[in-house]
C-alpha atoms as a PDB file:
ATOM      1  CA  MET A   1       1.974 110.336 218.683  1.00  0.00           C
ATOM      2  CA  PRO A   2       4.038 108.014 220.927  1.00  0.00           C
ATOM      3  CA  LEU A   3       4.400 104.438 219.714  1.00  0.00           C
ATOM      4  CA  ILE A   4       4.777 102.202 222.772  1.00  0.00           C
ATOM      5  CA  LEU A   5       5.552  98.512 223.162  1.00  0.00           C
ATOM      6  CA  GLY A   6       4.214  97.109 226.435  1.00  0.00           C
ATOM      7  CA  ILE A   7       5.424  93.874 228.061  1.00  0.00           C
ATOM      8  CA  GLU A   8       3.586  92.181 230.947  1.00  0.00           C
ATOM      9  CA  SER A   9       4.997  89.213 232.890  1.00  0.00           C
ATOM     10  CA  SER A  10       3.933  89.688 236.512  1.00  0.00           C
ATOM     11  CA  CYS A  11       2.298  86.292 237.040  1.00  0.00           C
ATOM     12  CA  ASP A  12       1.151  83.567 234.653  1.00  0.00           C
ATOM     13  CA  GLU A  13       0.461  85.444 231.418  1.00  0.00           C
ATOM     14  CA  THR A  14       3.148  86.542 229.002  1.00  0.00           C
ATOM     15  CA  ALA A  15       1.778  89.505 227.069  1.00  0.00           C
ATOM     16  CA  ALA A  16       2.893  92.159 224.609  1.00  0.00           C
ATOM     17  CA  ALA A  17       0.954  95.039 223.102  1.00  0.00           C
ATOM     18  CA  VAL A  18       1.577  98.005 220.832  1.00  0.00           C
ATOM     19  CA  LEU A  19      -0.167 101.368 221.230  1.00  0.00           C
ATOM     20  CA  ARG A  20       0.098 104.409 219.004  1.00  0.00           C
ATOM     21  CA  ASN A  21      -0.967 107.564 220.850  1.00  0.00           C
ATOM     22  CA  GLY A  22      -3.086 105.381 223.139  1.00  0.00           C
ATOM     23  CA  PHE A  23      -4.794 103.533 220.286  1.00  0.00           C
ATOM     24  CA  LEU A  24      -4.410  99.765 220.327  1.00  0.00           C
ATOM     25  CA  LEU A  25      -2.617  98.221 217.354  1.00  0.00           C
ATOM     26  CA  ALA A  26      -1.966  94.748 218.805  1.00  0.00           C
ATOM     27  CA  ASN A  27      -2.548  92.898 222.061  1.00  0.00           C
ATOM     28  CA  VAL A  28      -1.130  89.372 222.385  1.00  0.00           C
ATOM     29  CA  VAL A  29      -1.466  87.189 225.507  1.00  0.00           C
ATOM     30  CA  ALA A  30      -0.022  83.710 226.056  1.00  0.00           C
ATOM     31  CA  GLY A  31      -1.423  81.825 229.048  1.00  0.00           C
ATOM     32  CA  GLN A  32       0.215  79.037 231.041  1.00  0.00           C
ATOM     33  CA  GLU A  33      -1.773  75.809 231.306  1.00  0.00           C
ATOM     34  CA  VAL A  34       0.925  74.090 233.364  1.00  0.00           C
ATOM     35  CA  HIS A  35      -0.382  75.482 236.663  1.00  0.00           C
ATOM     36  CA  LYS A  36      -3.799  73.803 236.509  1.00  0.00           C
ATOM     37  CA  GLN A  37      -2.474  70.420 237.620  1.00  0.00           C
ATOM     38  CA  TRP A  38      -1.038  72.013 240.778  1.00  0.00           C
ATOM     39  CA  GLY A  39      -4.104  73.994 241.806  1.00  0.00           C
ATOM     40  CA  GLY A  40      -2.316  77.348 241.681  1.00  0.00           C
ATOM     41  CA  VAL A  41       0.548  79.296 240.132  1.00  0.00           C
ATOM     42  CA  ILE A  42       4.008  77.764 240.705  1.00  0.00           C
ATOM     43  CA  PRO A  43       6.494  80.680 240.517  1.00  0.00           C
ATOM     44  CA  GLU A  44       9.412  78.705 239.064  1.00  0.00           C
ATOM     45  CA  LEU A  45       7.234  77.152 236.369  1.00  0.00           C
ATOM     46  CA  ALA A  46       5.809  80.583 235.568  1.00  0.00           C
ATOM     47  CA  SER A  47       9.299  82.028 235.126  1.00  0.00           C
ATOM     48  CA  ARG A  48      10.345  79.232 232.777  1.00  0.00           C
ATOM     49  CA  ALA A  49       7.205  79.658 230.698  1.00  0.00           C
ATOM     50  CA  HIS A  50       7.860  83.399 230.407  1.00  0.00           C
ATOM     51  CA  GLN A  51      11.372  82.666 229.134  1.00  0.00           C
ATOM     52  CA  GLN A  52       9.933  80.431 226.428  1.00  0.00           C
ATOM     53  CA  GLN A  53       7.155  82.802 225.397  1.00  0.00           C
ATOM     54  CA  VAL A  54       8.430  86.371 225.670  1.00  0.00           C
ATOM     55  CA  VAL A  55      10.321  86.497 222.347  1.00  0.00           C
ATOM     56  CA  PRO A  56       7.566  84.970 220.169  1.00  0.00           C
ATOM     57  CA  VAL A  57       4.865  87.011 221.936  1.00  0.00           C
ATOM     58  CA  VAL A  58       6.693  90.308 221.346  1.00  0.00           C
ATOM     59  CA  HIS A  59       7.449  89.302 217.766  1.00  0.00           C
ATOM     60  CA  GLU A  60       3.776  88.516 217.139  1.00  0.00           C
ATOM     61  CA  ALA A  61       2.597  91.799 218.671  1.00  0.00           C
ATOM     62  CA  LEU A  62       4.934  93.806 216.448  1.00  0.00           C
ATOM     63  CA  ARG A  63       3.883  91.754 213.413  1.00  0.00           C
ATOM     64  CA  GLN A  64       0.172  92.311 214.078  1.00  0.00           C
ATOM     65  CA  ALA A  65       0.771  96.020 214.610  1.00  0.00           C
ATOM     66  CA  GLY A  66       2.774  96.319 211.392  1.00  0.00           C
ATOM     67  CA  VAL A  67       5.558  98.014 213.328  1.00  0.00           C
ATOM     68  CA  GLN A  68       9.328  97.655 213.016  1.00  0.00           C
ATOM     69  CA  PRO A  69      11.286  97.745 216.299  1.00  0.00           C
ATOM     70  CA  HIS A  70      13.219 100.884 215.321  1.00  0.00           C
ATOM     71  CA  GLU A  71       9.920 102.784 214.945  1.00  0.00           C
ATOM     72  CA  LEU A  72       9.073 102.424 218.650  1.00  0.00           C
ATOM     73  CA  ASP A  73       9.274 105.477 220.904  1.00  0.00           C
ATOM     74  CA  GLY A  74       9.455 103.564 224.173  1.00  0.00           C
ATOM     75  CA  ILE A  75       9.539 100.120 225.810  1.00  0.00           C
ATOM     76  CA  ALA A  76       7.206  99.731 228.799  1.00  0.00           C
ATOM     77  CA  TYR A  77       7.313  96.733 231.118  1.00  0.00           C
ATOM     78  CA  THR A  78       5.895  95.625 234.454  1.00  0.00           C
ATOM     79  CA  GLN A  79       8.282  96.476 237.277  1.00  0.00           C
ATOM     80  CA  GLY A  80       5.936  95.066 239.928  1.00  0.00           C
ATOM     81  CA  PRO A  81       4.107  93.948 241.936  1.00  0.00           C
ATOM     82  CA  GLY A  82       4.257  90.285 240.980  1.00  0.00           C
ATOM     83  CA  LEU A  83       6.351  87.122 241.156  1.00  0.00           C
ATOM     84  CA  LEU A  84      10.044  87.987 241.342  1.00  0.00           C
ATOM     85  CA  GLY A  85      11.240  85.471 238.742  1.00  0.00           C
ATOM     86  CA  ALA A  86       8.446  86.359 236.343  1.00  0.00           C
ATOM     87  CA  LEU A  87       9.183  90.077 236.698  1.00  0.00           C
ATOM     88  CA  LEU A  88      12.880  89.427 236.056  1.00  0.00           C
ATOM     89  CA  VAL A  89      12.137  87.750 232.731  1.00  0.00           C
ATOM     90  CA  GLY A  90       9.956  90.540 231.367  1.00  0.00           C
ATOM     91  CA  GLY A  91      12.149  93.263 232.805  1.00  0.00           C
ATOM     92  CA  SER A  92      15.372  91.757 231.479  1.00  0.00           C
ATOM     93  CA  PHE A  93      13.940  91.429 227.994  1.00  0.00           C
ATOM     94  CA  ALA A  94      12.575  94.987 228.046  1.00  0.00           C
ATOM     95  CA  LYS A  95      15.920  96.394 229.227  1.00  0.00           C
ATOM     96  CA  ALA A  96      17.868  94.518 226.559  1.00  0.00           C
ATOM     97  CA  PHE A  97      15.416  95.569 223.841  1.00  0.00           C
ATOM     98  CA  SER A  98      15.533  99.185 225.020  1.00  0.00           C
ATOM     99  CA  LEU A  99      19.335  99.171 225.091  1.00  0.00           C
ATOM    100  CA  ALA A 100      19.661  97.557 221.668  1.00  0.00           C
ATOM    101  CA  LEU A 101      17.239 100.049 220.083  1.00  0.00           C
ATOM    102  CA  ASN A 102      18.417 103.039 222.133  1.00  0.00           C
ATOM    103  CA  LYS A 103      14.804 103.714 223.130  1.00  0.00           C
ATOM    104  CA  PRO A 104      13.436 105.008 226.460  1.00  0.00           C
ATOM    105  CA  LEU A 105      12.700 102.374 229.116  1.00  0.00           C
ATOM    106  CA  LEU A 106       9.417 102.761 231.034  1.00  0.00           C
ATOM    107  CA  ALA A 107       8.961 100.846 234.323  1.00  0.00           C
ATOM    108  CA  VAL A 108       5.264 100.432 235.120  1.00  0.00           C
ATOM    109  CA  ASN A 109       3.388  99.701 238.330  1.00  0.00           C
ATOM    110  CA  HIS A 110       1.079  96.795 237.457  1.00  0.00           C
ATOM    111  CA  MET A 111      -1.810  98.125 239.567  1.00  0.00           C
ATOM    112  CA  GLN A 112      -1.596 101.552 237.961  1.00  0.00           C
ATOM    113  CA  GLY A 113      -1.695  99.742 234.635  1.00  0.00           C
ATOM    114  CA  HIS A 114      -5.001  98.087 235.554  1.00  0.00           C
ATOM    115  CA  ILE A 115      -6.491 101.491 236.352  1.00  0.00           C
ATOM    116  CA  LEU A 116      -5.164 103.157 233.207  1.00  0.00           C
ATOM    117  CA  ALA A 117      -6.529 100.342 231.031  1.00  0.00           C
ATOM    118  CA  HIS A 118      -9.672 102.481 230.892  1.00  0.00           C
ATOM    119  CA  PHE A 119      -7.809 104.879 228.597  1.00  0.00           C
ATOM    120  CA  VAL A 120      -6.787 102.302 225.977  1.00  0.00           C
ATOM    121  CA  ARG A 121      -8.554 103.272 222.780  1.00  0.00           C
ATOM    122  CA  ASP A 122      -9.845 100.728 220.286  1.00  0.00           C
ATOM    123  CA  ASN A 123     -12.819 100.473 217.975  1.00  0.00           C
ATOM    124  CA  ASP A 124     -15.581 100.363 220.599  1.00  0.00           C
ATOM    125  CA  GLN A 125     -15.498 104.142 221.307  1.00  0.00           C
ATOM    126  CA  ARG A 126     -16.417 103.633 224.946  1.00  0.00           C
ATOM    127  CA  PRO A 127     -16.313 106.691 227.253  1.00  0.00           C
ATOM    128  CA  VAL A 128     -13.305 107.221 229.506  1.00  0.00           C
ATOM    129  CA  PRO A 129     -13.503 108.618 233.050  1.00  0.00           C
ATOM    130  CA  GLU A 130     -12.623 112.242 233.705  1.00  0.00           C
ATOM    131  CA  PHE A 131     -10.264 113.073 236.560  1.00  0.00           C
ATOM    132  CA  PRO A 132     -10.645 112.735 239.444  1.00  0.00           C
ATOM    133  CA  PHE A 133     -12.389 109.378 239.681  1.00  0.00           C
ATOM    134  CA  LEU A 134     -12.555 106.466 242.088  1.00  0.00           C
ATOM    135  CA  CYS A 135     -11.339 103.042 240.999  1.00  0.00           C
ATOM    136  CA  LEU A 136     -12.148  99.757 242.673  1.00  0.00           C
ATOM    137  CA  THR A 137      -9.238  97.519 241.666  1.00  0.00           C
ATOM    138  CA  VAL A 138      -9.861  93.845 242.370  1.00  0.00           C
ATOM    139  CA  SER A 139      -7.565  90.969 241.425  1.00  0.00           C
ATOM    140  CA  GLY A 140      -6.131  87.745 242.786  1.00  0.00           C
ATOM    141  CA  GLY A 141      -3.515  89.558 244.825  1.00  0.00           C
ATOM    142  CA  HIS A 142      -5.000  92.995 245.451  1.00  0.00           C
ATOM    143  CA  THR A 143      -8.232  94.685 246.462  1.00  0.00           C
ATOM    144  CA  GLN A 144      -7.860  98.460 246.500  1.00  0.00           C
ATOM    145  CA  LEU A 145      -9.915 101.622 246.479  1.00  0.00           C
ATOM    146  CA  VAL A 146      -7.971 104.332 244.686  1.00  0.00           C
ATOM    147  CA  ARG A 147      -8.636 108.017 244.094  1.00  0.00           C
ATOM    148  CA  VAL A 148      -7.183 108.825 240.692  1.00  0.00           C
ATOM    149  CA  ASP A 149      -6.408 112.544 240.515  1.00  0.00           C
ATOM    150  CA  ASP A 150      -4.654 112.377 237.150  1.00  0.00           C
ATOM    151  CA  ALA A 151      -2.796 109.862 234.985  1.00  0.00           C
ATOM    152  CA  ARG A 152       0.259 109.983 237.277  1.00  0.00           C
ATOM    153  CA  THR A 153      -1.340 110.611 240.710  1.00  0.00           C
ATOM    154  CA  PHE A 154      -2.927 107.673 242.549  1.00  0.00           C
ATOM    155  CA  VAL A 155      -4.068 107.894 246.171  1.00  0.00           C
ATOM    156  CA  LEU A 156      -4.798 104.629 247.993  1.00  0.00           C
ATOM    157  CA  ILE A 157      -7.805 105.187 250.272  1.00  0.00           C
ATOM    158  CA  GLY A 158      -8.668 101.563 251.131  1.00  0.00           C
ATOM    159  CA  GLU A 159      -7.309  98.047 250.678  1.00  0.00           C
ATOM    160  CA  THR A 160      -7.647  94.498 251.938  1.00  0.00           C
ATOM    161  CA  ILE A 161      -5.976  93.709 255.236  1.00  0.00           C
ATOM    162  CA  ASP A 162      -5.655  89.995 254.361  1.00  0.00           C
ATOM    163  CA  ASP A 163      -6.964  88.013 251.385  1.00  0.00           C
ATOM    164  CA  ALA A 164      -7.862  89.821 248.172  1.00  0.00           C
ATOM    165  CA  ALA A 165     -11.271  89.325 246.571  1.00  0.00           C
ATOM    166  CA  GLY A 166      -9.873  87.185 243.750  1.00  0.00           C
ATOM    167  CA  GLU A 167      -7.926  85.110 246.251  1.00  0.00           C
ATOM    168  CA  ALA A 168     -11.133  84.558 248.232  1.00  0.00           C
ATOM    169  CA  PHE A 169     -12.928  83.382 245.096  1.00  0.00           C
ATOM    170  CA  ASP A 170     -10.141  80.921 244.230  1.00  0.00           C
ATOM    171  CA  LYS A 171      -9.717  79.601 247.795  1.00  0.00           C
ATOM    172  CA  CYS A 172     -13.451  79.071 248.231  1.00  0.00           C
ATOM    173  CA  ALA A 173     -13.557  77.304 244.868  1.00  0.00           C
ATOM    174  CA  LYS A 174     -10.760  74.990 245.992  1.00  0.00           C
ATOM    175  CA  ILE A 175     -12.691  74.159 249.164  1.00  0.00           C
ATOM    176  CA  LEU A 176     -15.653  73.246 246.947  1.00  0.00           C
ATOM    177  CA  GLY A 177     -13.430  70.936 244.914  1.00  0.00           C
ATOM    178  CA  LEU A 178     -13.424  73.068 241.772  1.00  0.00           C
ATOM    179  CA  PRO A 179     -10.328  73.070 239.515  1.00  0.00           C
ATOM    180  CA  TYR A 180      -7.946  76.037 239.279  1.00  0.00           C
ATOM    181  CA  PRO A 181      -8.629  78.811 238.497  1.00  0.00           C
ATOM    182  CA  GLY A 182     -11.848  78.489 240.447  1.00  0.00           C
ATOM    183  CA  GLY A 183     -13.026  82.101 240.528  1.00  0.00           C
ATOM    184  CA  PRO A 184     -14.495  82.087 237.004  1.00  0.00           C
ATOM    185  CA  LEU A 185     -16.254  78.784 237.786  1.00  0.00           C
ATOM    186  CA  ILE A 186     -17.922  80.265 240.856  1.00  0.00           C
ATOM    187  CA  ASP A 187     -19.146  83.086 238.621  1.00  0.00           C
ATOM    188  CA  LYS A 188     -20.421  80.577 236.067  1.00  0.00           C
ATOM    189  CA  TYR A 189     -22.326  78.427 238.578  1.00  0.00           C
ATOM    190  CA  ALA A 190     -23.612  81.444 240.498  1.00  0.00           C
ATOM    191  CA  ALA A 191     -25.554  82.544 237.430  1.00  0.00           C
ATOM    192  CA  THR A 192     -28.111  79.771 238.023  1.00  0.00           C
ATOM    193  CA  GLY A 193     -27.990  79.718 241.829  1.00  0.00           C
ATOM    194  CA  ASN A 194     -29.874  81.473 244.633  1.00  0.00           C
ATOM    195  CA  PRO A 195     -27.638  84.147 246.185  1.00  0.00           C
ATOM    196  CA  ASN A 196     -29.720  84.089 249.361  1.00  0.00           C
ATOM    197  CA  ALA A 197     -29.681  80.318 249.823  1.00  0.00           C
ATOM    198  CA  PHE A 198     -26.901  80.417 252.429  1.00  0.00           C
ATOM    199  CA  ALA A 199     -25.655  83.232 254.655  1.00  0.00           C
ATOM    200  CA  PHE A 200     -21.902  83.820 254.815  1.00  0.00           C
ATOM    201  CA  PRO A 201     -20.312  86.590 256.922  1.00  0.00           C
ATOM    202  CA  GLU A 202     -18.966  89.814 255.491  1.00  0.00           C
ATOM    203  CA  GLY A 203     -15.648  91.034 256.875  1.00  0.00           C
ATOM    204  CA  GLN A 204     -16.144  93.933 259.279  1.00  0.00           C
ATOM    205  CA  VAL A 205     -13.130  96.251 259.327  1.00  0.00           C
ATOM    206  CA  PRO A 206     -12.938 100.013 259.913  1.00  0.00           C
ATOM    207  CA  GLY A 207     -12.805 102.693 257.264  1.00  0.00           C
ATOM    208  CA  LEU A 208     -12.573 101.780 253.608  1.00  0.00           C
ATOM    209  CA  ASN A 209     -10.536  98.603 254.066  1.00  0.00           C
ATOM    210  CA  PHE A 210     -11.611  95.056 253.224  1.00  0.00           C
ATOM    211  CA  SER A 211     -11.233  91.598 254.748  1.00  0.00           C
ATOM    212  CA  PHE A 212     -12.020  88.292 253.046  1.00  0.00           C
ATOM    213  CA  SER A 213     -10.098  85.711 255.075  1.00  0.00           C
ATOM    214  CA  GLY A 214     -13.088  85.155 257.365  1.00  0.00           C
ATOM    215  CA  LEU A 215     -15.266  84.204 254.410  1.00  0.00           C
ATOM    216  CA  LYS A 216     -12.789  81.528 253.364  1.00  0.00           C
ATOM    217  CA  THR A 217     -12.826  80.072 256.896  1.00  0.00           C
ATOM    218  CA  ALA A 218     -16.625  80.225 257.049  1.00  0.00           C
ATOM    219  CA  VAL A 219     -16.947  78.348 253.769  1.00  0.00           C
ATOM    220  CA  LEU A 220     -14.438  75.742 254.961  1.00  0.00           C
ATOM    221  CA  TYR A 221     -16.442  74.982 258.118  1.00  0.00           C
ATOM    222  CA  PHE A 222     -19.727  75.167 256.221  1.00  0.00           C
ATOM    223  CA  VAL A 223     -18.590  72.506 253.748  1.00  0.00           C
ATOM    224  CA  ARG A 224     -17.033  70.333 256.451  1.00  0.00           C
ATOM    225  CA  ASP A 225     -20.141  70.349 258.647  1.00  0.00           C
ATOM    226  CA  HIS A 226     -22.632  69.704 255.850  1.00  0.00           C
ATOM    227  CA  THR A 227     -20.634  67.015 254.065  1.00  0.00           C
ATOM    228  CA  ALA A 228     -20.172  65.161 257.357  1.00  0.00           C
ATOM    229  CA  ALA A 229     -23.920  64.560 257.358  1.00  0.00           C
ATOM    230  CA  ASN A 230     -24.348  64.320 253.593  1.00  0.00           C
ATOM    231  CA  PRO A 231     -21.279  63.579 251.385  1.00  0.00           C
ATOM    232  CA  ASP A 232     -23.164  64.800 248.292  1.00  0.00           C
ATOM    233  CA  PHE A 233     -24.195  68.114 249.819  1.00  0.00           C
ATOM    234  CA  VAL A 234     -21.790  70.300 247.826  1.00  0.00           C
ATOM    235  CA  GLN A 235     -22.535  68.553 244.563  1.00  0.00           C
ATOM    236  CA  ASN A 236     -26.295  68.848 245.154  1.00  0.00           C
ATOM    237  CA  HIS A 237     -26.166  72.521 246.136  1.00  0.00           C
ATOM    238  CA  LEU A 238     -23.121  73.754 244.196  1.00  0.00           C
ATOM    239  CA  HIS A 239     -24.881  76.508 242.261  1.00  0.00           C
ATOM    240  CA  ASP A 240     -26.570  77.955 245.350  1.00  0.00           C
ATOM    241  CA  ILE A 241     -23.322  77.830 247.349  1.00  0.00           C
ATOM    242  CA  CYS A 242     -21.440  79.608 244.564  1.00  0.00           C
ATOM    243  CA  ALA A 243     -24.171  82.223 244.242  1.00  0.00           C
ATOM    244  CA  SER A 244     -24.076  82.853 248.003  1.00  0.00           C
ATOM    245  CA  ILE A 245     -20.283  83.192 248.042  1.00  0.00           C
ATOM    246  CA  GLN A 246     -20.331  85.577 245.110  1.00  0.00           C
ATOM    247  CA  HIS A 247     -23.136  87.617 246.663  1.00  0.00           C
ATOM    248  CA  THR A 248     -21.131  88.016 249.887  1.00  0.00           C
ATOM    249  CA  ILE A 249     -17.947  89.173 248.136  1.00  0.00           C
ATOM    250  CA  VAL A 250     -19.753  91.537 245.777  1.00  0.00           C
ATOM    251  CA  SER A 251     -21.849  92.980 248.605  1.00  0.00           C
ATOM    252  CA  THR A 252     -18.700  93.712 250.613  1.00  0.00           C
ATOM    253  CA  LEU A 253     -17.081  95.472 247.652  1.00  0.00           C
ATOM    254  CA  ILE A 254     -20.121  97.570 246.776  1.00  0.00           C
ATOM    255  CA  LYS A 255     -20.730  98.675 250.384  1.00  0.00           C
ATOM    256  CA  ARG A 256     -17.164  99.978 250.681  1.00  0.00           C
ATOM    257  CA  LEU A 257     -17.483 101.663 247.301  1.00  0.00           C
ATOM    258  CA  LYS A 258     -20.643 103.460 248.422  1.00  0.00           C
ATOM    259  CA  ARG A 259     -18.837 104.661 251.538  1.00  0.00           C
ATOM    260  CA  ALA A 260     -15.909 105.900 249.444  1.00  0.00           C
ATOM    261  CA  VAL A 261     -18.208 107.897 247.178  1.00  0.00           C
ATOM    262  CA  LYS A 262     -19.924 109.432 250.200  1.00  0.00           C
ATOM    263  CA  GLU A 263     -16.630 110.380 251.863  1.00  0.00           C
ATOM    264  CA  THR A 264     -14.942 111.809 248.750  1.00  0.00           C
ATOM    265  CA  GLY A 265     -17.939 113.246 246.936  1.00  0.00           C
ATOM    266  CA  ILE A 266     -16.598 111.755 243.687  1.00  0.00           C
ATOM    267  CA  THR A 267     -19.336 110.057 241.669  1.00  0.00           C
ATOM    268  CA  ARG A 268     -17.223 108.873 238.732  1.00  0.00           C
ATOM    269  CA  VAL A 269     -16.529 105.234 239.585  1.00  0.00           C
ATOM    270  CA  ALA A 270     -14.414 102.752 237.656  1.00  0.00           C
ATOM    271  CA  LEU A 271     -13.705  99.040 237.989  1.00  0.00           C
ATOM    272  CA  ALA A 272     -10.370  97.385 237.200  1.00  0.00           C
ATOM    273  CA  GLY A 273      -8.390  94.176 237.712  1.00  0.00           C
ATOM    274  CA  GLY A 274      -8.997  90.518 236.974  1.00  0.00           C
ATOM    275  CA  VAL A 275     -12.102  90.220 239.164  1.00  0.00           C
ATOM    276  CA  SER A 276     -13.715  93.062 237.205  1.00  0.00           C
ATOM    277  CA  ALA A 277     -14.538  90.305 234.702  1.00  0.00           C
ATOM    278  CA  ASN A 278     -16.911  88.788 237.276  1.00  0.00           C
ATOM    279  CA  SER A 279     -20.452  89.121 235.939  1.00  0.00           C
ATOM    280  CA  GLY A 280     -21.998  89.553 239.388  1.00  0.00           C
ATOM    281  CA  LEU A 281     -19.697  92.455 240.225  1.00  0.00           C
ATOM    282  CA  ARG A 282     -20.182  94.119 236.844  1.00  0.00           C
ATOM    283  CA  GLN A 283     -23.946  93.874 237.173  1.00  0.00           C
ATOM    284  CA  ALA A 284     -23.930  95.119 240.775  1.00  0.00           C
ATOM    285  CA  LEU A 285     -21.801  98.166 239.891  1.00  0.00           C
ATOM    286  CA  THR A 286     -24.041  99.014 236.942  1.00  0.00           C
ATOM    287  CA  GLN A 287     -27.204  98.731 239.047  1.00  0.00           C
ATOM    288  CA  THR A 288     -25.708 100.667 241.956  1.00  0.00           C
ATOM    289  CA  GLY A 289     -24.516 103.396 239.614  1.00  0.00           C
ATOM    290  CA  GLN A 290     -27.996 103.790 238.179  1.00  0.00           C
ATOM    291  CA  THR A 291     -29.580 103.904 241.642  1.00  0.00           C
ATOM    292  CA  GLU A 292     -27.004 106.277 243.138  1.00  0.00           C
ATOM    293  CA  GLY A 293     -26.587 108.524 240.101  1.00  0.00           C
ATOM    294  CA  TRP A 294     -22.932 107.613 239.504  1.00  0.00           C
ATOM    295  CA  GLN A 295     -21.048 107.564 236.223  1.00  0.00           C
ATOM    296  CA  THR A 296     -19.675 104.025 236.025  1.00  0.00           C
ATOM    297  CA  PHE A 297     -16.853 102.713 233.873  1.00  0.00           C
ATOM    298  CA  ILE A 298     -16.335  98.988 233.353  1.00  0.00           C
ATOM    299  CA  PRO A 299     -13.449  97.769 231.157  1.00  0.00           C
ATOM    300  CA  PRO A 300     -13.919  95.308 228.288  1.00  0.00           C
ATOM    301  CA  PHE A 301     -13.021  91.739 229.221  1.00  0.00           C
ATOM    302  CA  ALA A 302      -9.764  91.937 227.243  1.00  0.00           C
ATOM    303  CA  TYR A 303      -8.483  94.628 229.627  1.00  0.00           C
ATOM    304  CA  CYS A 304      -9.662  93.029 232.883  1.00  0.00           C
ATOM    305  CA  THR A 305      -7.136  90.242 233.309  1.00  0.00           C
ATOM    306  CA  ASP A 306      -3.379  90.758 233.011  1.00  0.00           C
ATOM    307  CA  ASN A 307      -2.531  92.174 229.598  1.00  0.00           C
ATOM    308  CA  ALA A 308       0.153  94.344 228.047  1.00  0.00           C
ATOM    309  CA  ALA A 309      -2.175  96.978 226.588  1.00  0.00           C
ATOM    310  CA  MET A 310      -2.599  98.448 230.058  1.00  0.00           C
ATOM    311  CA  ILE A 311       1.192  98.415 230.575  1.00  0.00           C
ATOM    312  CA  ALA A 312       1.719 100.208 227.279  1.00  0.00           C
ATOM    313  CA  MET A 313      -0.963 102.741 228.257  1.00  0.00           C
ATOM    314  CA  ALA A 314       0.759 103.480 231.557  1.00  0.00           C
ATOM    315  CA  GLY A 315       4.056 103.741 229.677  1.00  0.00           C
ATOM    316  CA  HIS A 316       2.436 106.210 227.280  1.00  0.00           C
ATOM    317  CA  PHE A 317       1.595 108.565 230.138  1.00  0.00           C
ATOM    318  CA  GLN A 318       5.049 108.122 231.679  1.00  0.00           C
ATOM    319  CA  LEU A 319       6.754 109.009 228.410  1.00  0.00           C
ATOM    320  CA  LEU A 320       4.607 112.126 228.031  1.00  0.00           C
ATOM    321  CA  ALA A 321       5.605 113.132 231.571  1.00  0.00           C
ATOM    322  CA  GLY A 322       9.286 112.491 230.843  1.00  0.00           C
ATOM    323  CA  GLU A 323       9.496 109.710 233.442  1.00  0.00           C
ATOM    324  CA  THR A 324      11.915 107.107 232.103  1.00  0.00           C
ATOM    325  CA  ALA A 325      13.714 104.292 233.913  1.00  0.00           C
ATOM    326  CA  ALA A 326      17.411 103.442 234.181  1.00  0.00           C
ATOM    327  CA  GLN A 327      18.901 100.109 233.145  1.00  0.00           C
ATOM    328  CA  ASP A 328      19.568  99.228 236.803  1.00  0.00           C
ATOM    329  CA  THR A 329      15.915  99.711 237.837  1.00  0.00           C
ATOM    330  CA  PRO A 330      15.125  96.679 240.044  1.00  0.00           C
ATOM    331  CA  PRO A 331      11.973  94.533 239.938  1.00  0.00           C
ATOM    332  CA  LEU A 332       9.666  95.226 242.882  1.00  0.00           C
ATOM    333  CA  PRO A 333       7.548  92.172 243.822  1.00  0.00           C
ATOM    334  CA  ARG A 334       5.756  94.254 246.485  1.00  0.00           C
ATOM    335  CA  PHE A 335       5.573  97.503 244.558  1.00  0.00           C
ATOM    336  CA  SER A 336       3.225  99.904 246.362  1.00  0.00           C
ATOM    337  CA  LEU A 337       0.722 101.970 244.420  1.00  0.00           C
END
């Protein structure tokens, strides 16, 4: 029954979690409010905040779990992808902790962690996907379609060629004058808007890949042209604009997912990543699954955004497979799947 400490520091959340045999004992996340005034994540400020938070966050996770450091069987941390300085903070702490305790070090791919979050066990007794399954992983920096053959085998079958879905949400929100992070606000306002009020283009790229940069440009020109004639246009139509943007992004994601299911023949479909918290996407996947006869798996909100439970879960599988990391393992800001 492996007892794993997970540490996540890839972007602007400092997180630590403890899992025993895949069952969650503690999951602590400290956010960083400092970035809101700048309209986006400032890497240097993120790194400094991680330095301030990593020790108390790990201490609190161990306290909540009722675990002493010497009882741990492994220390898992995010090796990448992510911001270099942020990764260095979490990785350096994990290496020092591992060395001091003489415990195995487990270097985790952040995107694999998002996928494996489905296997974190807690009190809700939700079903977990059987292998193989397809996972649509959507976040601020990544949009990927992945065939998951087992807990250590991930095959990338489609990805964005430019902006990620979460990035598109945030950039469109900024164009609309919404504060950072704008993606959740678009989701909030879309709930009471008409998704068919305005027509925005869907990126047309071959295969199972995605493109969202054109949507951002379309929204920019849309806002510019309409506000030139009516300065209050966005304010007066905000909910409908947000609903139309969300509809376009979700439609693009679901269409590619349908194509992936058809091409692979795999009807077990999971959602992962920060944008999996989007209510429109969650609802669309549920409805599509019912219509198409898929088994769908949607993570609880706590495991959608960056968290350390998913890192500990990935570390759990690595430890079982005997895959440990050396002390000189480098951070990989552009770590491939």
